[in-house]
Amino acid sequence: MRDTVHKFLSLFIGLCFGLLLIKSGNPANLDPLLQDDRLFNVISREALSSDQASTHNHQEQEGLFDRLIAPWRLSSSIFLLVIILAAGVGFVGFRWDRSLWIVAGFGVWYLWQHLAAFDSIDSSLSTLVLWHFSGCLACLCLGCFVLSRCPRFELFWIGPILGMLIIFWVGLQQHYGGLDALRRMIYETTDYTKLPPELLKRLAKGRIYATFVYPNALAGAILLLLVPCLFYIWQLIDGLPRVIKAVIAGVFAYTGLACLVWSGSKAGWLILLILSFVAIMHLPVPKRIKNISIPILLILGLLGFGMKYRQYFALGATSVSARVDYWRAAIKIFRANPFTGTGPGTFAKSYPQYKSPESEMARLTHNDYLEQACDSGAIGFLSYFGSVAGGLAFLYRKSRPLDWHFFVVWLGLGAWFIQGFVEFGLYIPALAWTAFLLFGWMIGHEKSNVIVELK
């Protein structure tokens, strides 16, 4: 009976996190821009179709889907997280393990954020970010002390898989006419000069973003979850013929990779190549095949990257230049405030003093680790970077001999860690809470000594 309840709990947590993936794709510090639980109000829903609904039934269906993908305020996401924690509180288990130092490291980081907030240059903004960081730590503990004790971990993945399918569907709709229809609607039927500049700039580039704040955040979700979702899809449909399994997994993989390409994320492409190298090195195939396949993959990957983004580099790689200016400013802010920084999430308040005149404004540093340095000082940076990097290195060693259930999650977290050098995934609940939950599961996972074979 208790095993059945544990399985149900695993499924329930997964379904809730699938919902959070869809509805919490905006940074915590942008929460004031969310009104009525939707970002940019009615505009977002028009991106889903290239023409107007023709029947009452279709309009009703579209409205239901709109409500499903409409983003939540941070308070709504925290409310759901509290429900998840309440459901799991009766199943908390504690077992001492050397890997718990990672939890302690994140605990130091979290407490230091509160100390840094005392001297924040914008207390209201820091309060929002602290609520979000509280969610991060709660998810870490949920994964470590509850989810890791649940059998049939593949049941948890039903939720994220369904969530990613909906995200992919929205991305497909945007690519195949949705964004064009949205642009036409904005410029023809609204006073677009009153709309947020972030939205107009995002639409002008034609890059899909699905339910996330912008395209690179969508890429972050794909990098974090595509590989483990594929693995657990294979596990969940194990009873089907192998050909059907391959078709289902192949369609999911193609859709995810297509959305990654259509997001226009340059870093996402390169991180995917790195993941591919690491995965190939761990496949149970002869070394000779690995030595042949890796150079071929490298050549094809870089060739495709060059062809896809040749115009971008011909125009001077403007986003790279912008990031360099953000990072330079973050270092200057850190030097001016090395102890407690300027307060969690306050980069946007300090950046105007340090930005180059030609650079565009930014709300976040586009580097999670430099953001920690300028927002919370040296201890905030060291405790966070040390916990993530050191934790991943330690957990990689724990995955030997190869446990595929463990390793595919580690691959996704590794991608999330790398993207943190060029993006702000730590500040997006859909990404950060999921990553912390999986981090916690890896820490608390009682690994079997038996190698898990691919089915």
Protein backbone atom coordinates (compact mmCIF):
# COMPACT_ATOMS: atom_id res chain seq x y z
CA MET A 1 0.00 0.00 0.00
CA ARG A 2 2.77 2.43 0.89
CA ASP A 3 4.53 1.69 -2.41
CA THR A 4 1.31 2.54 -4.25
CA VAL A 5 1.04 5.85 -2.42
CA HIS A 6 4.70 6.61 -3.22
CA LYS A 7 4.04 5.93 -6.90
CA PHE A 8 1.01 8.18 -6.87
CA LEU A 9 3.06 10.89 -5.16
CA SER A 10 5.77 10.59 -7.82
CA LEU A 11 3.13 10.96 -10.54
CA PHE A 12 1.48 13.90 -8.75
CA ILE A 13 4.78 15.77 -8.35
CA GLY A 14 5.59 15.19 -12.01
CA LEU A 15 2.22 16.45 -13.23
CA CYS A 16 2.53 19.58 -11.09
CA PHE A 17 5.99 20.30 -12.43
CA GLY A 18 4.73 19.74 -15.97
CA LEU A 19 2.20 22.49 -15.27
CA LEU A 20 4.89 24.74 -13.77
CA LEU A 21 6.98 24.28 -16.91
CA ILE A 22 4.12 25.67 -18.99
CA LYS A 23 3.04 28.50 -16.72
CA SER A 24 6.19 29.72 -14.95
CA GLY A 25 8.44 30.64 -17.86
CA ASN A 26 9.02 34.27 -16.87
CA PRO A 27 11.81 35.61 -14.63
CA ALA A 28 10.86 36.37 -11.05
CA ASN A 29 11.95 39.98 -11.39
CA LEU A 30 9.48 40.48 -14.28
CA ASP A 31 6.56 39.47 -12.09
CA PRO A 32 5.23 43.07 -11.85
CA LEU A 33 4.65 42.98 -15.63
CA LEU A 34 2.26 40.07 -15.25
CA GLN A 35 -1.36 41.13 -14.94
CA ASP A 36 -4.33 38.83 -14.47
CA ASP A 37 -1.93 35.88 -14.59
CA ARG A 38 -0.98 36.65 -18.19
CA LEU A 39 2.06 38.33 -19.72
CA PHE A 40 1.24 41.14 -22.14
CA ASN A 41 -2.43 40.22 -21.74
CA VAL A 42 -4.43 39.29 -24.86
CA ILE A 43 -1.49 39.61 -27.23
CA SER A 44 0.15 36.34 -26.27
CA ARG A 45 -2.81 34.17 -27.20
CA GLU A 46 -2.97 35.54 -30.75
CA ALA A 47 0.36 33.89 -31.49
CA LEU A 48 -1.28 30.47 -31.47
CA SER A 49 -3.21 30.71 -34.73
CA SER A 50 -2.82 32.45 -38.06
CA ASP A 51 -6.53 33.23 -38.45
CA GLN A 52 -9.50 34.03 -36.27
CA ALA A 53 -11.75 31.30 -34.89
CA SER A 54 -14.75 30.73 -37.13
CA THR A 55 -17.11 28.92 -34.78
CA HIS A 56 -18.23 29.30 -31.20
CA ASN A 57 -16.96 25.83 -30.32
CA HIS A 58 -13.53 26.57 -31.73
CA GLN A 59 -13.41 29.86 -29.85
CA GLU A 60 -14.28 28.05 -26.63
CA GLN A 61 -11.57 25.43 -27.24
CA GLU A 62 -9.04 28.12 -28.05
CA GLY A 63 -9.97 29.94 -24.87
CA LEU A 64 -9.40 26.83 -22.77
CA PHE A 65 -6.00 26.29 -24.34
CA ASP A 66 -5.14 29.96 -23.85
CA ARG A 67 -5.88 29.64 -20.17
CA LEU A 68 -3.70 26.55 -19.96
CA ILE A 69 -0.63 28.28 -21.41
CA ALA A 70 -1.21 31.74 -19.91
CA PRO A 71 1.63 32.45 -17.46
CA TRP A 72 1.11 32.63 -13.74
CA ARG A 73 2.16 35.28 -11.29
CA LEU A 74 4.98 34.13 -9.04
CA SER A 75 2.52 33.92 -6.14
CA SER A 76 0.41 31.38 -8.06
CA SER A 77 3.45 29.22 -8.79
CA ILE A 78 4.49 29.35 -5.13
CA PHE A 79 0.96 28.39 -4.08
CA LEU A 80 1.14 25.23 -6.24
CA LEU A 81 4.59 24.48 -4.86
CA VAL A 82 3.22 24.73 -1.30
CA ILE A 83 0.55 22.17 -2.22
CA ILE A 84 3.24 19.83 -3.57
CA LEU A 85 5.29 20.23 -0.39
CA ALA A 86 2.25 19.60 1.77
CA ALA A 87 1.52 16.39 -0.17
CA GLY A 88 5.07 15.17 0.32
CA VAL A 89 5.64 16.17 3.94
CA GLY A 90 4.45 12.81 5.26
CA PHE A 91 7.00 10.96 3.12
CA VAL A 92 10.13 12.85 4.09
CA GLY A 93 13.08 10.56 4.73
CA PHE A 94 16.58 11.41 5.85
CA ARG A 95 19.62 9.28 5.22
CA TRP A 96 23.10 10.63 5.82
CA ASP A 97 25.22 10.61 2.72
CA ARG A 98 28.41 12.38 1.72
CA SER A 99 26.55 14.14 -1.10
CA LEU A 100 24.46 16.12 1.43
CA TRP A 101 27.26 18.68 1.50
CA ILE A 102 25.74 19.93 -1.75
CA VAL A 103 22.49 20.69 0.06
CA ALA A 104 24.47 22.46 2.78
CA GLY A 105 26.27 24.53 0.14
CA PHE A 106 22.99 25.66 -1.40
CA GLY A 107 21.75 26.40 2.12
CA VAL A 108 24.68 28.76 2.68
CA TRP A 109 23.95 30.43 -0.65
CA TYR A 110 20.28 30.86 0.24
CA LEU A 111 20.96 32.34 3.67
CA TRP A 112 23.50 34.72 2.18
CA GLN A 113 20.87 35.99 -0.28
CA HIS A 114 18.79 37.11 2.68
CA LEU A 115 21.78 38.86 4.19
CA ALA A 116 22.48 40.61 0.88
CA ALA A 117 18.84 41.69 0.68
CA PHE A 118 19.20 43.74 3.88
CA ASP A 119 21.36 46.21 1.97
CA SER A 120 19.49 45.98 -1.34
CA ILE A 121 19.14 49.05 -3.54
CA ASP A 122 15.60 47.89 -4.40
CA SER A 123 13.99 45.97 -1.56
CA SER A 124 10.75 45.20 -3.42
CA LEU A 125 12.64 43.60 -6.31
CA SER A 126 14.88 41.63 -3.95
CA THR A 127 11.85 40.38 -2.03
CA LEU A 128 10.40 38.90 -5.23
CA VAL A 129 13.68 37.19 -6.05
CA LEU A 130 14.00 35.85 -2.48
CA TRP A 131 10.57 34.25 -2.77
CA HIS A 132 11.76 32.61 -5.98
CA PHE A 133 15.00 31.43 -4.35
CA SER A 134 12.92 30.00 -1.49
CA GLY A 135 11.15 27.95 -4.14
CA CYS A 136 14.51 26.78 -5.46
CA LEU A 137 15.64 25.53 -2.04
CA ALA A 138 12.25 23.94 -1.38
CA CYS A 139 12.50 22.04 -4.68
CA LEU A 140 16.01 20.88 -3.81
CA CYS A 141 14.76 19.45 -0.51
CA LEU A 142 11.67 18.00 -2.17
CA GLY A 143 13.84 16.12 -4.64
CA CYS A 144 16.39 15.02 -2.05
CA PHE A 145 14.16 13.94 0.83
CA VAL A 146 10.87 12.99 -0.88
CA LEU A 147 11.09 12.27 -4.61
CA SER A 148 14.29 10.22 -4.30
CA ARG A 149 12.39 7.81 -1.99
CA CYS A 150 9.59 7.21 -4.51
CA PRO A 151 9.79 4.01 -6.59
CA ARG A 152 9.07 4.03 -10.31
CA PHE A 153 10.80 7.35 -10.99
CA GLU A 154 9.58 7.09 -14.61
CA LEU A 155 6.07 7.95 -13.36
CA PHE A 156 7.35 11.38 -12.36
CA TRP A 157 8.40 12.02 -15.96
CA ILE A 158 4.87 11.72 -17.33
CA GLY A 159 4.23 15.30 -16.20
CA PRO A 160 7.35 16.92 -17.70
CA ILE A 161 6.85 14.95 -20.92
CA LEU A 162 3.27 16.22 -21.25
CA GLY A 163 4.40 19.73 -20.36
CA MET A 164 7.13 19.69 -23.00
CA LEU A 165 4.67 18.36 -25.60
CA ILE A 166 2.41 21.36 -25.00
CA ILE A 167 5.40 23.69 -25.14
CA PHE A 168 6.51 22.09 -28.42
CA TRP A 169 2.98 22.46 -29.80
CA VAL A 170 2.93 26.17 -29.02
CA GLY A 171 6.37 26.49 -30.61
CA LEU A 172 5.17 24.72 -33.76
CA GLN A 173 2.15 27.01 -33.97
CA GLN A 174 4.38 30.05 -33.65
CA HIS A 175 6.77 28.83 -36.34
CA TYR A 176 4.06 27.89 -38.81
CA GLY A 177 2.25 31.20 -39.03
CA GLY A 178 1.50 32.21 -35.46
CA LEU A 179 4.22 34.83 -35.11
CA ASP A 180 3.43 36.33 -38.52
CA ALA A 181 -0.24 36.61 -37.59
CA LEU A 182 0.69 38.20 -34.28
CA ARG A 183 2.88 40.79 -35.95
CA ARG A 184 0.13 41.69 -38.42
CA MET A 185 -2.44 41.93 -35.65
CA ILE A 186 -0.21 44.20 -33.57
CA TYR A 187 0.74 46.61 -36.32
CA GLU A 188 -2.72 46.75 -37.91
CA THR A 189 -5.16 46.71 -34.99
CA THR A 190 -3.35 48.08 -31.94
CA ASP A 191 -1.36 51.12 -30.87
CA TYR A 192 1.86 49.12 -30.81
CA THR A 193 3.89 52.06 -29.50
CA LYS A 194 2.30 51.45 -26.09
CA LEU A 195 3.40 47.82 -25.94
CA PRO A 196 6.47 46.70 -23.99
CA PRO A 197 9.67 47.12 -26.07
CA GLU A 198 10.76 43.60 -25.08
CA LEU A 199 7.73 42.12 -26.85
CA LEU A 200 8.17 44.15 -30.04
CA LYS A 201 11.84 43.29 -30.29
CA ARG A 202 11.14 39.63 -29.66
CA LEU A 203 8.53 39.51 -32.43
CA ALA A 204 10.72 41.34 -34.94
CA LYS A 205 13.33 38.59 -34.84
CA GLY A 206 10.86 35.83 -35.69
CA ARG A 207 12.35 33.40 -33.15
CA ILE A 208 9.88 31.13 -31.37
CA TYR A 209 9.65 31.25 -27.58
CA ALA A 210 6.58 29.04 -26.90
CA THR A 211 5.38 29.70 -23.32
CA PHE A 212 8.64 31.25 -22.12
CA VAL A 213 9.72 34.84 -21.72
CA TYR A 214 12.03 34.68 -24.72
CA PRO A 215 13.64 32.19 -27.13
CA ASN A 216 16.77 31.34 -25.15
CA ALA A 217 14.65 30.35 -22.17
CA LEU A 218 12.81 27.88 -24.40
CA ALA A 219 16.20 26.54 -25.48
CA GLY A 220 17.13 26.16 -21.81
CA ALA A 221 14.07 23.99 -21.15
CA ILE A 222 14.88 21.78 -24.13
CA LEU A 223 18.50 21.38 -23.08
CA LEU A 224 17.51 20.54 -19.51
CA LEU A 225 14.74 18.06 -20.28
CA LEU A 226 14.95 16.68 -23.83
CA VAL A 227 17.44 13.87 -23.11
CA PRO A 228 15.84 12.59 -19.87
CA CYS A 229 12.35 12.88 -21.39
CA LEU A 230 13.45 10.77 -24.36
CA PHE A 231 14.96 8.15 -22.08
CA TYR A 232 11.85 7.91 -19.90
CA ILE A 233 9.51 7.87 -22.89
CA TRP A 234 11.41 4.76 -23.96
CA GLN A 235 10.97 3.28 -20.48
CA LEU A 236 7.27 4.14 -20.20
CA ILE A 237 6.32 2.53 -23.53
CA ASP A 238 8.51 -0.51 -23.02
CA GLY A 239 5.69 -2.94 -23.80
CA LEU A 240 5.24 -1.64 -27.36
CA PRO A 241 7.07 -3.06 -30.40
CA ARG A 242 10.51 -1.56 -30.86
CA VAL A 243 9.59 0.06 -34.19
CA ILE A 244 6.64 1.91 -32.65
CA LYS A 245 8.81 2.95 -29.70
CA ALA A 246 11.40 4.33 -32.12
CA VAL A 247 8.76 6.30 -34.03
CA ILE A 248 7.29 7.84 -30.86
CA ALA A 249 10.72 8.75 -29.45
CA GLY A 250 11.86 9.98 -32.86
CA VAL A 251 8.91 12.33 -33.27
CA PHE A 252 9.48 13.75 -29.79
CA ALA A 253 13.20 14.19 -30.46
CA TYR A 254 12.64 15.81 -33.88
CA THR A 255 10.05 18.24 -32.49
CA GLY A 256 12.31 19.21 -29.60
CA LEU A 257 15.35 19.69 -31.81
CA ALA A 258 13.31 21.65 -34.36
CA CYS A 259 12.06 23.99 -31.61
CA LEU A 260 15.65 24.41 -30.42
CA VAL A 261 16.73 25.43 -33.94
CA TRP A 262 13.72 27.72 -34.45
CA SER A 263 14.44 29.41 -31.12
CA GLY A 264 17.60 30.72 -32.76
CA SER A 265 19.72 29.96 -29.70
CA LYS A 266 23.36 29.89 -30.76
CA ALA A 267 24.56 28.73 -27.36
CA GLY A 268 21.86 26.05 -27.31
CA TRP A 269 23.20 24.57 -30.54
CA LEU A 270 26.76 24.40 -29.20
CA ILE A 271 25.67 23.01 -25.82
CA LEU A 272 23.73 20.29 -27.62
CA LEU A 273 26.94 19.33 -29.42
CA ILE A 274 28.73 19.05 -26.08
CA LEU A 275 25.93 16.86 -24.71
CA SER A 276 26.18 14.64 -27.77
CA PHE A 277 29.92 14.15 -27.26
CA VAL A 278 29.48 13.23 -23.61
CA ALA A 279 26.61 10.85 -24.37
CA ILE A 280 28.56 9.09 -27.14
CA MET A 281 31.53 8.60 -24.82
CA HIS A 282 29.25 6.75 -22.40
CA LEU A 283 27.45 4.54 -24.90
CA PRO A 284 28.25 0.82 -24.64
CA VAL A 285 29.77 0.66 -28.16
CA PRO A 286 33.32 -0.17 -29.33
CA LYS A 287 35.90 2.60 -28.95
CA ARG A 288 36.60 2.50 -32.69
CA ILE A 289 33.03 3.56 -33.45
CA LYS A 290 33.27 6.40 -30.94
CA ASN A 291 36.51 7.64 -32.51
CA ILE A 292 34.79 7.78 -35.89
CA SER A 293 31.43 9.19 -34.84
CA ILE A 294 32.69 12.07 -32.68
CA PRO A 295 34.71 13.85 -35.45
CA ILE A 296 31.83 13.36 -37.89
CA LEU A 297 29.37 14.82 -35.38
CA LEU A 298 31.70 17.74 -34.71
CA ILE A 299 32.11 18.56 -38.40
CA LEU A 300 28.41 18.27 -39.19
CA GLY A 301 27.39 20.22 -36.09
CA LEU A 302 29.77 23.12 -36.70
CA LEU A 303 28.98 23.13 -40.41
CA GLY A 304 25.26 23.36 -39.69
CA PHE A 305 25.91 26.04 -37.07
CA GLY A 306 27.94 28.10 -39.54
CA MET A 307 25.36 27.85 -42.30
CA LYS A 308 22.44 28.64 -39.99
CA TYR A 309 24.05 31.71 -38.42
CA ARG A 310 26.37 33.01 -41.14
CA GLN A 311 24.28 36.16 -41.54
CA TYR A 312 24.30 36.73 -37.79
CA PHE A 313 28.10 36.69 -37.68
CA ALA A 314 28.29 38.81 -40.83
CA LEU A 315 26.30 41.50 -39.00
CA GLY A 316 28.79 41.47 -36.12
CA ALA A 317 27.24 39.04 -33.61
CA THR A 318 25.38 41.82 -31.81
CA SER A 319 24.06 39.65 -28.97
CA VAL A 320 27.61 38.54 -28.11
CA SER A 321 28.73 42.17 -27.96
CA ALA A 322 25.75 43.04 -25.78
CA ARG A 323 26.52 40.23 -23.36
CA VAL A 324 30.13 41.28 -23.09
CA ASP A 325 28.93 44.72 -22.02
CA TYR A 326 26.55 43.18 -19.44
CA TRP A 327 29.37 41.07 -18.05
CA ARG A 328 31.81 43.97 -17.95
CA ALA A 329 29.24 46.03 -16.04
CA ALA A 330 28.57 43.14 -13.64
CA ILE A 331 32.27 42.89 -12.81
CA LYS A 332 32.40 46.64 -12.12
CA ILE A 333 29.32 46.41 -9.90
CA PHE A 334 30.92 43.53 -8.01
CA ARG A 335 34.13 45.48 -7.49
CA ALA A 336 32.13 48.38 -6.07
CA ASN A 337 30.10 46.06 -3.79
CA PRO A 338 32.26 42.98 -3.11
CA PHE A 339 30.74 41.89 0.19
CA THR A 340 26.94 41.74 -0.16
CA GLY A 341 26.46 43.15 -3.66
CA THR A 342 23.56 45.42 -4.54
CA GLY A 343 20.81 42.97 -3.55
CA PRO A 344 19.23 39.90 -5.20
CA GLY A 345 17.87 40.64 -8.68
CA THR A 346 18.94 44.29 -8.79
CA PHE A 347 21.31 44.28 -11.79
CA ALA A 348 18.84 46.37 -13.81
CA LYS A 349 19.02 49.13 -11.18
CA SER A 350 22.82 49.39 -11.32
CA TYR A 351 23.48 48.65 -14.98
CA PRO A 352 22.52 52.12 -16.37
CA GLN A 353 25.48 53.63 -14.48
CA TYR A 354 27.95 51.29 -16.19
CA LYS A 355 26.48 50.48 -19.61
CA SER A 356 27.99 51.61 -22.88
CA PRO A 357 25.86 54.23 -24.67
CA GLU A 358 25.30 51.96 -27.67
CA SER A 359 24.24 48.94 -25.59
CA GLU A 360 20.60 48.09 -25.01
CA MET A 361 19.12 47.92 -21.53
CA ALA A 362 19.05 44.57 -19.71
CA ARG A 363 17.15 43.41 -16.63
CA LEU A 364 19.55 40.55 -15.87
CA THR A 365 23.24 39.90 -16.50
CA HIS A 366 22.75 36.97 -18.90
CA ASN A 367 25.20 35.04 -16.74
CA ASP A 368 23.86 33.41 -13.58
CA TYR A 369 27.26 33.32 -11.91
CA LEU A 370 28.20 36.95 -12.55
CA GLU A 371 24.67 37.87 -11.48
CA GLN A 372 25.37 36.24 -8.13
CA ALA A 373 28.62 38.17 -7.83
CA CYS A 374 27.15 41.61 -8.48
CA ASP A 375 23.87 40.95 -6.61
CA SER A 376 25.20 39.19 -3.50
CA GLY A 377 28.98 39.59 -3.48
CA ALA A 378 31.83 37.11 -3.32
CA ILE A 379 30.24 34.68 -0.86
CA GLY A 380 27.01 34.55 -2.85
CA PHE A 381 28.97 33.79 -6.01
CA LEU A 382 31.29 31.21 -4.46
CA SER A 383 28.57 29.36 -2.57
CA TYR A 384 26.33 29.10 -5.63
CA PHE A 385 28.98 28.32 -8.25
CA GLY A 386 30.76 25.91 -5.91
CA SER A 387 27.55 24.06 -5.08
CA VAL A 388 26.50 23.67 -8.72
CA ALA A 389 29.89 22.93 -10.30
CA GLY A 390 31.22 20.89 -7.38
CA GLY A 391 27.91 19.07 -7.02
CA LEU A 392 27.80 18.07 -10.68
CA ALA A 393 31.41 16.86 -10.56
CA PHE A 394 30.72 14.81 -7.42
CA LEU A 395 27.49 13.35 -8.80
CA TYR A 396 29.19 12.41 -12.06
CA ARG A 397 31.57 10.22 -10.10
CA LYS A 398 28.59 8.74 -8.25
CA SER A 399 27.06 7.69 -11.58
CA ARG A 400 29.84 5.17 -12.19
CA PRO A 401 29.34 2.35 -13.08
CA LEU A 402 26.93 3.76 -15.62
CA ASP A 403 23.37 4.11 -14.35
CA TRP A 404 21.35 5.49 -17.26
CA HIS A 405 18.46 6.64 -15.06
CA PHE A 406 20.98 8.75 -13.17
CA PHE A 407 23.15 9.78 -16.11
CA VAL A 408 20.45 11.24 -18.39
CA VAL A 409 19.35 13.56 -15.57
CA TRP A 410 22.97 14.54 -15.01
CA LEU A 411 23.30 15.39 -18.73
CA GLY A 412 20.34 17.76 -18.55
CA LEU A 413 21.68 19.45 -15.43
CA GLY A 414 25.09 19.74 -17.07
CA ALA A 415 23.48 21.59 -19.99
CA TRP A 416 21.63 23.87 -17.56
CA PHE A 417 24.92 24.60 -15.77
CA ILE A 418 26.71 25.49 -19.02
CA GLN A 419 23.88 27.69 -20.28
CA GLY A 420 24.12 29.58 -17.00
CA PHE A 421 27.29 31.21 -18.33
CA VAL A 422 25.34 33.02 -21.05
CA GLU A 423 21.73 33.14 -19.78
CA PHE A 424 19.63 33.69 -16.64
CA GLY A 425 17.90 30.34 -16.16
CA LEU A 426 18.36 30.61 -12.38
CA TYR A 427 15.76 33.40 -12.33
CA ILE A 428 13.06 31.54 -14.31
CA PRO A 429 10.99 29.31 -11.99
CA ALA A 430 10.10 26.79 -14.73
CA LEU A 431 13.80 26.12 -15.30
CA ALA A 432 15.34 26.74 -11.88
CA TRP A 433 12.74 24.89 -9.79
CA THR A 434 12.86 21.89 -12.11
CA ALA A 435 16.67 21.88 -12.11
CA PHE A 436 16.82 22.11 -8.31
CA LEU A 437 14.26 19.31 -7.97
CA LEU A 438 16.33 17.04 -10.23
CA PHE A 439 19.52 18.09 -8.43
CA GLY A 440 17.90 17.06 -5.16
CA TRP A 441 16.72 13.75 -6.61
CA MET A 442 20.28 12.97 -7.72
CA ILE A 443 21.66 13.82 -4.28
CA GLY A 444 19.13 11.64 -2.47
CA HIS A 445 19.02 8.85 -5.04
CA GLU A 446 20.13 5.53 -3.54
CA LYS A 447 21.94 4.23 -6.58
CA SER A 448 21.94 0.54 -7.33
CA ASN A 449 25.24 -1.13 -8.05
CA VAL A 450 23.67 -2.83 -11.05
CA ILE A 451 24.12 -1.11 -14.38
CA VAL A 452 20.77 -0.15 -15.89
CA GLU A 453 20.61 -1.45 -19.44
CA LEU A 454 18.89 0.45 -22.23
CA LYS A 455 15.72 -1.39 -23.21
